[in-house]
Amino acid sequence: MGCGSGEDPTAVMREFLREAGGCAVIDGGLATELEAHGANLNDPLWSAKCLISSPHLIAKVHLDYLEAGANIIITASYQATIQGFESKGFSREEGEALLQKSVEIAQEARNIFVKASSRKRPILVAASVGSYGAYLADGSEYSGEYGDAVTLETLKDFHRRRLQVLAEAGPDLIAFETIPNKLEAQAYAELLEENDIKIPAWFSFNSKDGVNVVSGDSLLDCASIADSCPKVAAVGINCTPPRFIHALILSARKVTDKPILIYPNSGERYDADKKEWVASTGVSDGDFVSYVSTWRQAGASLIGGCCRTTPNTIRAISRALQCS
């Protein structure tokens, strides 16, 4: 799905959505499923640890989501950074190879699924780029508070090579996920332009109040940055409680005509100090899916799940949308 020199990324995304039946299903939580299969993710690398220790588990989870009806599978690179791998003793080259591997695992899972499946549907691989806060592993992707020392240039320097390596691996999309503030969105937009990235991107923000992104920056301002970047094919929200999604879709719609994507978490809250999800506020798969038609009517055309959602959630979304 890469963009040639004359192709508009948004037009490419709209064509994919047309082929998918007007809407598309994004996969669900990766880390939860890896843990369910026995992975120990108590590590600053989080799900990216499995790129080193158990890539077969990542492939299994990708396949589970494809079998559940996903049109887009997101790579295990959210917390995978060259700097993070280097802090674990890997060389720069080894870190870059692990980033590439995240894309290759997803592509191979897609190939296996397509060969085995009698029902054909469009399937894309999205290379995940987590925020600077995800690399810090201190929960700051849920606050967007990086401190005054972190500037636009700091963020661009941090993400630049990682973005280049992921793009060179040949995914169909680059998914900038859980963007917590306007500064990081601006860094991504400038990097896409300066590096002339040919892979369509999406920008996905997170919110804890249904109005602003988690840093307190206006969602309208953040979505406007995404809208003004020609390389961005879709704009949306992830890792946000389901109850806030409808209002956020309506807000994003005010500033962009690009396709809207949403993949909320299960409604639970992440405790950064304890490094665990607080389950008391979660919603069941049934409750989660009851929102889907409302989100669709509000203008979302790519719908999936984030943290703590499962293949069962995605199967239910797929049925509700009848996209697969």
C-alpha atoms as a PDB file:
ATOM      1  CA  MET A   1       0.000   0.000   0.000  1.00  0.00           C
ATOM      2  CA  GLY A   2       3.041   2.266  -0.149  1.00  0.00           C
ATOM      3  CA  CYS A   3       2.608   5.648  -1.777  1.00  0.00           C
ATOM      4  CA  GLY A   4       4.349   6.315  -5.038  1.00  0.00           C
ATOM      5  CA  SER A   5       5.525   9.822  -5.766  1.00  0.00           C
ATOM      6  CA  GLY A   6       2.124  10.937  -7.012  1.00  0.00           C
ATOM      7  CA  GLU A   7      -0.205   9.050  -4.665  1.00  0.00           C
ATOM      8  CA  ASP A   8      -2.076  10.791  -1.885  1.00  0.00           C
ATOM      9  CA  PRO A   9      -1.896   8.714   1.339  1.00  0.00           C
ATOM     10  CA  THR A  10      -5.455   9.645   2.284  1.00  0.00           C
ATOM     11  CA  ALA A  11      -6.719   8.486  -1.117  1.00  0.00           C
ATOM     12  CA  VAL A  12      -4.806   5.225  -0.671  1.00  0.00           C
ATOM     13  CA  MET A  13      -6.470   4.724   2.721  1.00  0.00           C
ATOM     14  CA  ARG A  14      -9.910   5.491   1.284  1.00  0.00           C
ATOM     15  CA  GLU A  15      -9.338   2.896  -1.437  1.00  0.00           C
ATOM     16  CA  PHE A  16      -8.380   0.307   1.197  1.00  0.00           C
ATOM     17  CA  LEU A  17     -11.559   1.122   3.136  1.00  0.00           C
ATOM     18  CA  ARG A  18     -13.619   0.761  -0.034  1.00  0.00           C
ATOM     19  CA  GLU A  19     -12.094  -2.680  -0.644  1.00  0.00           C
ATOM     20  CA  ALA A  20     -12.816  -3.611   2.981  1.00  0.00           C
ATOM     21  CA  GLY A  21     -16.495  -2.726   2.588  1.00  0.00           C
ATOM     22  CA  GLY A  22     -16.501   0.846   3.855  1.00  0.00           C
ATOM     23  CA  CYS A  23     -14.935   0.213   7.236  1.00  0.00           C
ATOM     24  CA  ALA A  24     -12.044  -1.823   8.592  1.00  0.00           C
ATOM     25  CA  VAL A  25     -11.206  -3.702  11.774  1.00  0.00           C
ATOM     26  CA  ILE A  26      -7.965  -2.945  13.669  1.00  0.00           C
ATOM     27  CA  ASP A  27      -6.559  -5.663  15.933  1.00  0.00           C
ATOM     28  CA  GLY A  28      -6.611  -5.596  19.743  1.00  0.00           C
ATOM     29  CA  GLY A  29      -4.210  -5.605  22.672  1.00  0.00           C
ATOM     30  CA  LEU A  30      -0.859  -7.288  22.075  1.00  0.00           C
ATOM     31  CA  ALA A  31       0.769  -7.370  25.514  1.00  0.00           C
ATOM     32  CA  THR A  32      -2.281  -8.883  27.234  1.00  0.00           C
ATOM     33  CA  GLU A  33      -2.357 -11.723  24.734  1.00  0.00           C
ATOM     34  CA  LEU A  34       1.392 -12.310  24.936  1.00  0.00           C
ATOM     35  CA  GLU A  35       1.023 -12.642  28.705  1.00  0.00           C
ATOM     36  CA  ALA A  36      -1.928 -14.997  28.227  1.00  0.00           C
ATOM     37  CA  HIS A  37       0.407 -17.195  26.155  1.00  0.00           C
ATOM     38  CA  GLY A  38       2.986 -17.229  28.947  1.00  0.00           C
ATOM     39  CA  ALA A  39       5.261 -14.266  28.172  1.00  0.00           C
ATOM     40  CA  ASN A  40       6.736 -12.321  31.085  1.00  0.00           C
ATOM     41  CA  LEU A  41       6.628  -8.646  30.116  1.00  0.00           C
ATOM     42  CA  ASN A  42       7.832  -7.143  33.389  1.00  0.00           C
ATOM     43  CA  ASP A  43      10.578  -5.273  31.567  1.00  0.00           C
ATOM     44  CA  PRO A  44      11.182  -1.740  30.214  1.00  0.00           C
ATOM     45  CA  LEU A  45      10.960  -3.236  26.696  1.00  0.00           C
ATOM     46  CA  TRP A  46       7.458  -4.571  27.489  1.00  0.00           C
ATOM     47  CA  SER A  47       5.994  -6.419  24.460  1.00  0.00           C
ATOM     48  CA  ALA A  48       9.153  -5.679  22.439  1.00  0.00           C
ATOM     49  CA  LYS A  49      10.984  -8.098  24.770  1.00  0.00           C
ATOM     50  CA  CYS A  50       9.285 -10.915  22.832  1.00  0.00           C
ATOM     51  CA  LEU A  51      11.101  -9.851  19.656  1.00  0.00           C
ATOM     52  CA  ILE A  52      14.210 -11.143  21.423  1.00  0.00           C
ATOM     53  CA  SER A  53      12.902 -14.038  23.496  1.00  0.00           C
ATOM     54  CA  SER A  54       9.763 -15.409  21.845  1.00  0.00           C
ATOM     55  CA  PRO A  55       8.940 -14.098  18.347  1.00  0.00           C
ATOM     56  CA  HIS A  56       6.752 -17.176  17.762  1.00  0.00           C
ATOM     57  CA  LEU A  57       4.330 -15.842  20.394  1.00  0.00           C
ATOM     58  CA  ILE A  58       4.020 -12.531  18.539  1.00  0.00           C
ATOM     59  CA  ALA A  59       3.231 -14.425  15.331  1.00  0.00           C
ATOM     60  CA  LYS A  60       0.609 -16.477  17.194  1.00  0.00           C
ATOM     61  CA  VAL A  61      -1.125 -13.355  18.495  1.00  0.00           C
ATOM     62  CA  HIS A  62      -1.106 -11.749  15.021  1.00  0.00           C
ATOM     63  CA  LEU A  63      -2.730 -14.899  13.618  1.00  0.00           C
ATOM     64  CA  ASP A  64      -5.327 -14.959  16.400  1.00  0.00           C
ATOM     65  CA  TYR A  65      -6.363 -11.421  15.489  1.00  0.00           C
ATOM     66  CA  LEU A  66      -6.488 -12.191  11.778  1.00  0.00           C
ATOM     67  CA  GLU A  67      -8.702 -15.189  12.495  1.00  0.00           C
ATOM     68  CA  ALA A  68     -10.897 -12.912  14.627  1.00  0.00           C
ATOM     69  CA  GLY A  69     -11.492 -10.656  11.592  1.00  0.00           C
ATOM     70  CA  ALA A  70      -8.830  -7.945  11.776  1.00  0.00           C
ATOM     71  CA  ASN A  71      -7.980  -6.051   8.578  1.00  0.00           C
ATOM     72  CA  ILE A  72      -4.993  -4.316  10.185  1.00  0.00           C
ATOM     73  CA  ILE A  73      -2.417  -5.932  12.447  1.00  0.00           C
ATOM     74  CA  ILE A  74      -0.039  -3.702  14.404  1.00  0.00           C
ATOM     75  CA  THR A  75       3.577  -4.750  14.898  1.00  0.00           C
ATOM     76  CA  ALA A  76       5.247  -5.441  18.258  1.00  0.00           C
ATOM     77  CA  SER A  77       7.384  -2.306  17.945  1.00  0.00           C
ATOM     78  CA  TYR A  78       5.416   0.081  20.192  1.00  0.00           C
ATOM     79  CA  GLN A  79       8.062  -0.089  22.905  1.00  0.00           C
ATOM     80  CA  ALA A  80      10.872  -1.132  20.543  1.00  0.00           C
ATOM     81  CA  THR A  81      13.460   1.624  20.246  1.00  0.00           C
ATOM     82  CA  ILE A  82      17.103   1.583  19.248  1.00  0.00           C
ATOM     83  CA  GLN A  83      17.917   3.387  22.501  1.00  0.00           C
ATOM     84  CA  GLY A  84      15.933   0.859  24.530  1.00  0.00           C
ATOM     85  CA  PHE A  85      17.707  -2.085  22.936  1.00  0.00           C
ATOM     86  CA  GLU A  86      21.086  -0.404  23.429  1.00  0.00           C
ATOM     87  CA  SER A  87      20.335  -0.002  27.143  1.00  0.00           C
ATOM     88  CA  LYS A  88      19.933  -3.799  27.223  1.00  0.00           C
ATOM     89  CA  GLY A  89      23.387  -4.301  25.728  1.00  0.00           C
ATOM     90  CA  PHE A  90      22.452  -4.698  22.071  1.00  0.00           C
ATOM     91  CA  SER A  91      24.435  -2.894  19.382  1.00  0.00           C
ATOM     92  CA  ARG A  92      22.782  -0.255  17.214  1.00  0.00           C
ATOM     93  CA  GLU A  93      22.748  -2.721  14.293  1.00  0.00           C
ATOM     94  CA  GLU A  94      21.112  -5.408  16.435  1.00  0.00           C
ATOM     95  CA  GLY A  95      18.492  -2.932  17.613  1.00  0.00           C
ATOM     96  CA  GLU A  96      17.702  -1.945  14.034  1.00  0.00           C
ATOM     97  CA  ALA A  97      17.437  -5.619  13.067  1.00  0.00           C
ATOM     98  CA  LEU A  98      14.912  -6.200  15.868  1.00  0.00           C
ATOM     99  CA  LEU A  99      12.807  -3.281  14.610  1.00  0.00           C
ATOM    100  CA  GLN A 100      12.843  -4.806  11.126  1.00  0.00           C
ATOM    101  CA  LYS A 101      11.976  -8.170  12.610  1.00  0.00           C
ATOM    102  CA  SER A 102       8.777  -6.757  14.131  1.00  0.00           C
ATOM    103  CA  VAL A 103       7.517  -5.924  10.638  1.00  0.00           C
ATOM    104  CA  GLU A 104       8.699  -9.228   9.162  1.00  0.00           C
ATOM    105  CA  ILE A 105       6.862 -11.268  11.833  1.00  0.00           C
ATOM    106  CA  ALA A 106       3.587  -9.491  11.050  1.00  0.00           C
ATOM    107  CA  GLN A 107       4.072  -9.838   7.290  1.00  0.00           C
ATOM    108  CA  GLU A 108       4.782 -13.554   7.665  1.00  0.00           C
ATOM    109  CA  ALA A 109       1.678 -14.017   9.836  1.00  0.00           C
ATOM    110  CA  ARG A 110      -0.382 -12.317   7.144  1.00  0.00           C
ATOM    111  CA  ASN A 111       1.120 -14.583   4.465  1.00  0.00           C
ATOM    112  CA  ILE A 112       0.310 -17.703   6.494  1.00  0.00           C
ATOM    113  CA  PHE A 113      -3.247 -16.521   7.101  1.00  0.00           C
ATOM    114  CA  VAL A 114      -3.908 -15.552   3.479  1.00  0.00           C
ATOM    115  CA  LYS A 115      -2.621 -18.906   2.190  1.00  0.00           C
ATOM    116  CA  ALA A 116      -4.817 -20.815   4.639  1.00  0.00           C
ATOM    117  CA  SER A 117      -7.940 -18.692   4.242  1.00  0.00           C
ATOM    118  CA  SER A 118     -10.608 -19.240   1.627  1.00  0.00           C
ATOM    119  CA  ARG A 119     -12.179 -15.842   2.321  1.00  0.00           C
ATOM    120  CA  LYS A 120     -10.191 -12.992   0.844  1.00  0.00           C
ATOM    121  CA  ARG A 121     -10.133  -9.603   2.523  1.00  0.00           C
ATOM    122  CA  PRO A 122      -7.622  -6.757   2.450  1.00  0.00           C
ATOM    123  CA  ILE A 123      -5.076  -7.002   5.272  1.00  0.00           C
ATOM    124  CA  LEU A 124      -2.492  -4.364   6.124  1.00  0.00           C
ATOM    125  CA  VAL A 125       0.534  -4.416   8.428  1.00  0.00           C
ATOM    126  CA  ALA A 126       0.952  -1.245  10.497  1.00  0.00           C
ATOM    127  CA  ALA A 127       4.379  -0.598  12.040  1.00  0.00           C
ATOM    128  CA  SER A 128       3.848   0.758  15.530  1.00  0.00           C
ATOM    129  CA  VAL A 129       5.744   3.809  16.773  1.00  0.00           C
ATOM    130  CA  GLY A 130       5.186   4.414  20.474  1.00  0.00           C
ATOM    131  CA  SER A 131       5.800   7.777  22.066  1.00  0.00           C
ATOM    132  CA  TYR A 132       8.944   8.981  23.801  1.00  0.00           C
ATOM    133  CA  GLY A 133       7.049   8.380  27.040  1.00  0.00           C
ATOM    134  CA  ALA A 134       6.673   4.695  26.175  1.00  0.00           C
ATOM    135  CA  TYR A 135      10.466   4.390  25.901  1.00  0.00           C
ATOM    136  CA  LEU A 136      10.863   6.033  29.322  1.00  0.00           C
ATOM    137  CA  ALA A 137       8.643   3.225  30.721  1.00  0.00           C
ATOM    138  CA  ASP A 138       7.474   5.520  33.520  1.00  0.00           C
ATOM    139  CA  GLY A 139       3.870   5.950  32.426  1.00  0.00           C
ATOM    140  CA  SER A 140       4.505   9.385  30.904  1.00  0.00           C
ATOM    141  CA  GLU A 141       2.756   8.398  27.671  1.00  0.00           C
ATOM    142  CA  TYR A 142      -0.353   8.627  29.856  1.00  0.00           C
ATOM    143  CA  SER A 143       0.497  12.162  31.004  1.00  0.00           C
ATOM    144  CA  GLY A 144       2.519  13.713  28.188  1.00  0.00           C
ATOM    145  CA  GLU A 145       4.655  15.448  30.809  1.00  0.00           C
ATOM    146  CA  TYR A 146       8.195  15.213  29.474  1.00  0.00           C
ATOM    147  CA  GLY A 147       9.637  18.261  31.213  1.00  0.00           C
ATOM    148  CA  ASP A 148      11.098  21.452  29.769  1.00  0.00           C
ATOM    149  CA  ALA A 149      14.346  19.754  28.749  1.00  0.00           C
ATOM    150  CA  VAL A 150      12.550  17.724  26.060  1.00  0.00           C
ATOM    151  CA  THR A 151      12.208  19.926  22.984  1.00  0.00           C
ATOM    152  CA  LEU A 152      10.930  19.386  19.458  1.00  0.00           C
ATOM    153  CA  GLU A 153      14.502  18.598  18.373  1.00  0.00           C
ATOM    154  CA  THR A 154      14.949  16.127  21.256  1.00  0.00           C
ATOM    155  CA  LEU A 155      11.924  14.183  20.053  1.00  0.00           C
ATOM    156  CA  LYS A 156      12.938  14.305  16.399  1.00  0.00           C
ATOM    157  CA  ASP A 157      16.437  13.059  17.233  1.00  0.00           C
ATOM    158  CA  PHE A 158      14.948  10.274  19.340  1.00  0.00           C
ATOM    159  CA  HIS A 159      12.507   8.999  16.711  1.00  0.00           C
ATOM    160  CA  ARG A 160      14.362   9.699  13.452  1.00  0.00           C
ATOM    161  CA  ARG A 161      16.358   6.518  12.860  1.00  0.00           C
ATOM    162  CA  ARG A 162      13.644   4.291  14.252  1.00  0.00           C
ATOM    163  CA  LEU A 163      11.155   5.751  11.765  1.00  0.00           C
ATOM    164  CA  GLN A 164      13.597   5.272   8.888  1.00  0.00           C
ATOM    165  CA  VAL A 165      14.270   1.622   9.812  1.00  0.00           C
ATOM    166  CA  LEU A 166      10.590   0.783  10.165  1.00  0.00           C
ATOM    167  CA  ALA A 167       9.757   2.466   6.846  1.00  0.00           C
ATOM    168  CA  GLU A 168      12.577   0.584   5.109  1.00  0.00           C
ATOM    169  CA  ALA A 169      11.133  -2.708   6.412  1.00  0.00           C
ATOM    170  CA  GLY A 170       8.188  -2.156   4.066  1.00  0.00           C
ATOM    171  CA  PRO A 171       5.010  -2.095   6.194  1.00  0.00           C
ATOM    172  CA  ASP A 172       1.767  -0.880   4.629  1.00  0.00           C
ATOM    173  CA  LEU A 173       1.263   1.802   7.280  1.00  0.00           C
ATOM    174  CA  ILE A 174       3.154   3.527  10.067  1.00  0.00           C
ATOM    175  CA  ALA A 175       1.028   3.847  13.195  1.00  0.00           C
ATOM    176  CA  PHE A 176       2.080   6.661  15.528  1.00  0.00           C
ATOM    177  CA  GLU A 177       0.220   5.508  18.611  1.00  0.00           C
ATOM    178  CA  THR A 178      -0.802   6.912  21.993  1.00  0.00           C
ATOM    179  CA  ILE A 179       0.508  10.393  21.122  1.00  0.00           C
ATOM    180  CA  PRO A 180       0.212  12.322  24.401  1.00  0.00           C
ATOM    181  CA  ASN A 181       0.908  15.904  23.380  1.00  0.00           C
ATOM    182  CA  LYS A 182       1.056  18.415  20.554  1.00  0.00           C
ATOM    183  CA  LEU A 183       4.859  18.626  20.584  1.00  0.00           C
ATOM    184  CA  GLU A 184       5.318  14.960  19.714  1.00  0.00           C
ATOM    185  CA  ALA A 185       2.690  15.165  16.963  1.00  0.00           C
ATOM    186  CA  GLN A 186       4.615  18.086  15.473  1.00  0.00           C
ATOM    187  CA  ALA A 187       7.871  16.099  15.702  1.00  0.00           C
ATOM    188  CA  TYR A 188       6.314  13.187  13.825  1.00  0.00           C
ATOM    189  CA  ALA A 189       4.832  15.434  11.130  1.00  0.00           C
ATOM    190  CA  GLU A 190       8.201  17.106  10.516  1.00  0.00           C
ATOM    191  CA  LEU A 191      10.073  13.792  10.440  1.00  0.00           C
ATOM    192  CA  LEU A 192       7.656  12.342   7.868  1.00  0.00           C
ATOM    193  CA  GLU A 193       8.272  15.337   5.608  1.00  0.00           C
ATOM    194  CA  GLU A 194      12.019  15.697   6.166  1.00  0.00           C
ATOM    195  CA  ASN A 195      12.688  12.003   5.567  1.00  0.00           C
ATOM    196  CA  ASP A 196      10.215  11.841   2.672  1.00  0.00           C
ATOM    197  CA  ILE A 197       8.571   8.742   4.121  1.00  0.00           C
ATOM    198  CA  LYS A 198       6.581   7.012   1.388  1.00  0.00           C
ATOM    199  CA  ILE A 199       4.525   4.794   3.723  1.00  0.00           C
ATOM    200  CA  PRO A 200       1.118   6.262   4.690  1.00  0.00           C
ATOM    201  CA  ALA A 201       0.944   7.109   8.396  1.00  0.00           C
ATOM    202  CA  TRP A 202      -1.756   7.454  10.986  1.00  0.00           C
ATOM    203  CA  PHE A 203      -1.705   9.653  14.092  1.00  0.00           C
ATOM    204  CA  SER A 204      -3.564   8.310  17.118  1.00  0.00           C
ATOM    205  CA  PHE A 205      -3.872  10.329  20.327  1.00  0.00           C
ATOM    206  CA  ASN A 206      -4.979   9.348  23.828  1.00  0.00           C
ATOM    207  CA  SER A 207      -7.307  11.194  26.177  1.00  0.00           C
ATOM    208  CA  LYS A 208      -8.531  10.823  29.747  1.00  0.00           C
ATOM    209  CA  ASP A 209     -11.320  13.407  29.695  1.00  0.00           C
ATOM    210  CA  GLY A 210     -12.960  13.129  26.272  1.00  0.00           C
ATOM    211  CA  VAL A 211     -11.919  16.693  25.346  1.00  0.00           C
ATOM    212  CA  ASN A 212      -8.141  17.046  25.370  1.00  0.00           C
ATOM    213  CA  VAL A 213      -5.214  14.689  24.871  1.00  0.00           C
ATOM    214  CA  VAL A 214      -3.663  13.424  28.109  1.00  0.00           C
ATOM    215  CA  SER A 215      -1.176  16.320  28.411  1.00  0.00           C
ATOM    216  CA  GLY A 216      -4.043  18.819  28.439  1.00  0.00           C
ATOM    217  CA  ASP A 217      -3.314  19.981  24.881  1.00  0.00           C
ATOM    218  CA  SER A 218      -6.451  20.464  22.795  1.00  0.00           C
ATOM    219  CA  LEU A 219      -7.422  17.478  20.662  1.00  0.00           C
ATOM    220  CA  LEU A 220      -8.501  19.997  18.020  1.00  0.00           C
ATOM    221  CA  ASP A 221      -4.960  21.403  17.873  1.00  0.00           C
ATOM    222  CA  CYS A 222      -3.409  17.931  17.770  1.00  0.00           C
ATOM    223  CA  ALA A 223      -5.743  16.606  15.096  1.00  0.00           C
ATOM    224  CA  SER A 224      -5.115  19.776  13.066  1.00  0.00           C
ATOM    225  CA  ILE A 225      -1.381  18.972  12.987  1.00  0.00           C
ATOM    226  CA  ALA A 226      -2.221  15.512  11.643  1.00  0.00           C
ATOM    227  CA  ASP A 227      -4.675  16.942   9.144  1.00  0.00           C
ATOM    228  CA  SER A 228      -2.134  19.422   7.777  1.00  0.00           C
ATOM    229  CA  CYS A 229       0.526  16.728   7.187  1.00  0.00           C
ATOM    230  CA  PRO A 230       0.127  15.303   3.661  1.00  0.00           C
ATOM    231  CA  LYS A 231       1.788  12.033   4.730  1.00  0.00           C
ATOM    232  CA  VAL A 232      -0.958  11.284   7.273  1.00  0.00           C
ATOM    233  CA  ALA A 233      -3.728   9.051   5.912  1.00  0.00           C
ATOM    234  CA  ALA A 234      -5.946   8.791   9.007  1.00  0.00           C
ATOM    235  CA  VAL A 235      -6.371  10.457  12.400  1.00  0.00           C
ATOM    236  CA  GLY A 236      -7.812   9.132  15.607  1.00  0.00           C
ATOM    237  CA  ILE A 237      -7.783   7.952  19.199  1.00  0.00           C
ATOM    238  CA  ASN A 238      -6.388   4.905  20.984  1.00  0.00           C
ATOM    239  CA  CYS A 239      -5.797   3.669  24.542  1.00  0.00           C
ATOM    240  CA  THR A 240      -8.700   5.777  25.828  1.00  0.00           C
ATOM    241  CA  PRO A 241     -11.761   4.577  27.791  1.00  0.00           C
ATOM    242  CA  PRO A 242     -14.689   3.697  25.503  1.00  0.00           C
ATOM    243  CA  ARG A 243     -17.025   6.187  27.179  1.00  0.00           C
ATOM    244  CA  PHE A 244     -14.973   9.131  25.860  1.00  0.00           C
ATOM    245  CA  ILE A 245     -14.676   7.994  22.254  1.00  0.00           C
ATOM    246  CA  HIS A 246     -17.905   9.371  20.768  1.00  0.00           C
ATOM    247  CA  ALA A 247     -17.183  12.961  21.796  1.00  0.00           C
ATOM    248  CA  LEU A 248     -13.584  12.667  20.595  1.00  0.00           C
ATOM    249  CA  ILE A 249     -14.685  11.449  17.147  1.00  0.00           C
ATOM    250  CA  LEU A 250     -17.006  14.446  16.838  1.00  0.00           C
ATOM    251  CA  SER A 251     -14.155  16.786  17.871  1.00  0.00           C
ATOM    252  CA  ALA A 252     -11.695  15.309  15.378  1.00  0.00           C
ATOM    253  CA  ARG A 253     -14.316  15.564  12.650  1.00  0.00           C
ATOM    254  CA  LYS A 254     -14.397  19.347  13.129  1.00  0.00           C
ATOM    255  CA  VAL A 255     -10.809  19.725  11.927  1.00  0.00           C
ATOM    256  CA  THR A 256     -10.219  16.845   9.496  1.00  0.00           C
ATOM    257  CA  ASP A 257     -11.900  15.062   6.615  1.00  0.00           C
ATOM    258  CA  LYS A 258      -9.342  12.250   6.755  1.00  0.00           C
ATOM    259  CA  PRO A 259     -10.591   8.797   7.807  1.00  0.00           C
ATOM    260  CA  ILE A 260     -11.081   8.526  11.571  1.00  0.00           C
ATOM    261  CA  LEU A 261      -9.696   5.542  13.463  1.00  0.00           C
ATOM    262  CA  ILE A 262     -10.436   4.518  17.028  1.00  0.00           C
ATOM    263  CA  TYR A 263      -9.164   1.662  19.122  1.00  0.00           C
ATOM    264  CA  PRO A 264      -9.981   2.256  22.778  1.00  0.00           C
ATOM    265  CA  ASN A 265      -8.680   0.281  25.731  1.00  0.00           C
ATOM    266  CA  SER A 266     -11.083  -1.820  27.767  1.00  0.00           C
ATOM    267  CA  GLY A 267     -11.824   1.117  30.069  1.00  0.00           C
ATOM    268  CA  GLU A 268      -9.353   0.141  32.749  1.00  0.00           C
ATOM    269  CA  ARG A 269      -6.844   2.616  34.166  1.00  0.00           C
ATOM    270  CA  TYR A 270      -3.055   2.188  34.054  1.00  0.00           C
ATOM    271  CA  ASP A 271      -1.262   2.722  37.373  1.00  0.00           C
ATOM    272  CA  ALA A 272       2.224   3.908  36.350  1.00  0.00           C
ATOM    273  CA  ASP A 273       3.661   3.454  39.854  1.00  0.00           C
ATOM    274  CA  LYS A 274       2.544  -0.162  40.189  1.00  0.00           C
ATOM    275  CA  LYS A 275       2.968  -0.784  36.435  1.00  0.00           C
ATOM    276  CA  GLU A 276      -0.374  -2.557  36.237  1.00  0.00           C
ATOM    277  CA  TRP A 277      -3.898  -2.049  34.975  1.00  0.00           C
ATOM    278  CA  VAL A 278      -6.566  -1.268  37.558  1.00  0.00           C
ATOM    279  CA  ALA A 279      -9.446  -3.506  36.562  1.00  0.00           C
ATOM    280  CA  SER A 280     -12.288  -1.908  38.492  1.00  0.00           C
ATOM    281  CA  THR A 281     -13.416   0.365  35.649  1.00  0.00           C
ATOM    282  CA  GLY A 282     -13.240  -2.112  32.776  1.00  0.00           C
ATOM    283  CA  VAL A 283     -16.136  -2.856  30.447  1.00  0.00           C
ATOM    284  CA  SER A 284     -17.037  -6.281  29.117  1.00  0.00           C
ATOM    285  CA  ASP A 285     -16.679  -7.227  25.458  1.00  0.00           C
ATOM    286  CA  GLY A 286     -20.445  -6.990  25.113  1.00  0.00           C
ATOM    287  CA  ASP A 287     -20.549  -3.484  26.549  1.00  0.00           C
ATOM    288  CA  PHE A 288     -17.566  -2.452  24.443  1.00  0.00           C
ATOM    289  CA  VAL A 289     -19.200  -3.656  21.257  1.00  0.00           C
ATOM    290  CA  SER A 290     -22.464  -1.922  22.093  1.00  0.00           C
ATOM    291  CA  TYR A 291     -20.659   1.347  21.373  1.00  0.00           C
ATOM    292  CA  VAL A 292     -19.496   0.293  17.907  1.00  0.00           C
ATOM    293  CA  SER A 293     -22.510   1.365  15.834  1.00  0.00           C
ATOM    294  CA  THR A 294     -22.506   4.758  17.597  1.00  0.00           C
ATOM    295  CA  TRP A 295     -18.824   5.251  16.779  1.00  0.00           C
ATOM    296  CA  ARG A 296     -19.431   4.232  13.188  1.00  0.00           C
ATOM    297  CA  GLN A 297     -22.353   6.646  12.845  1.00  0.00           C
ATOM    298  CA  ALA A 298     -20.247   9.444  14.359  1.00  0.00           C
ATOM    299  CA  GLY A 299     -17.719   8.992  11.569  1.00  0.00           C
ATOM    300  CA  ALA A 300     -15.142   6.375  12.584  1.00  0.00           C
ATOM    301  CA  SER A 301     -14.223   4.021   9.740  1.00  0.00           C
ATOM    302  CA  LEU A 302     -11.354   2.063  11.338  1.00  0.00           C
ATOM    303  CA  ILE A 303     -12.295   0.437  14.653  1.00  0.00           C
ATOM    304  CA  GLY A 304     -10.416  -1.929  16.945  1.00  0.00           C
ATOM    305  CA  GLY A 305      -9.157  -2.299  20.498  1.00  0.00           C
ATOM    306  CA  CYS A 306      -6.095  -1.331  22.508  1.00  0.00           C
ATOM    307  CA  CYS A 307      -4.804  -2.455  25.911  1.00  0.00           C
ATOM    308  CA  ARG A 308      -6.657  -5.323  27.585  1.00  0.00           C
ATOM    309  CA  THR A 309      -8.871  -6.073  24.599  1.00  0.00           C
ATOM    310  CA  THR A 310      -8.634  -9.582  23.141  1.00  0.00           C
ATOM    311  CA  PRO A 311      -9.384 -11.545  19.953  1.00  0.00           C
ATOM    312  CA  ASN A 312     -12.885 -12.040  21.372  1.00  0.00           C
ATOM    313  CA  THR A 313     -13.332  -8.249  21.440  1.00  0.00           C
ATOM    314  CA  ILE A 314     -12.121  -7.966  17.849  1.00  0.00           C
ATOM    315  CA  ARG A 315     -14.326 -10.837  16.701  1.00  0.00           C
ATOM    316  CA  ALA A 316     -17.329  -9.071  18.214  1.00  0.00           C
ATOM    317  CA  ILE A 317     -16.361  -5.733  16.593  1.00  0.00           C
ATOM    318  CA  SER A 318     -15.940  -7.463  13.239  1.00  0.00           C
ATOM    319  CA  ARG A 319     -19.402  -8.982  13.513  1.00  0.00           C
ATOM    320  CA  ALA A 320     -20.904  -5.678  14.602  1.00  0.00           C
ATOM    321  CA  LEU A 321     -19.379  -3.889  11.630  1.00  0.00           C
ATOM    322  CA  GLN A 322     -19.820  -6.802   9.212  1.00  0.00           C
ATOM    323  CA  CYS A 323     -16.613  -5.648   7.578  1.00  0.00           C
ATOM    324  CA  SER A 324     -14.779  -8.912   7.270  1.00  0.00           C
END
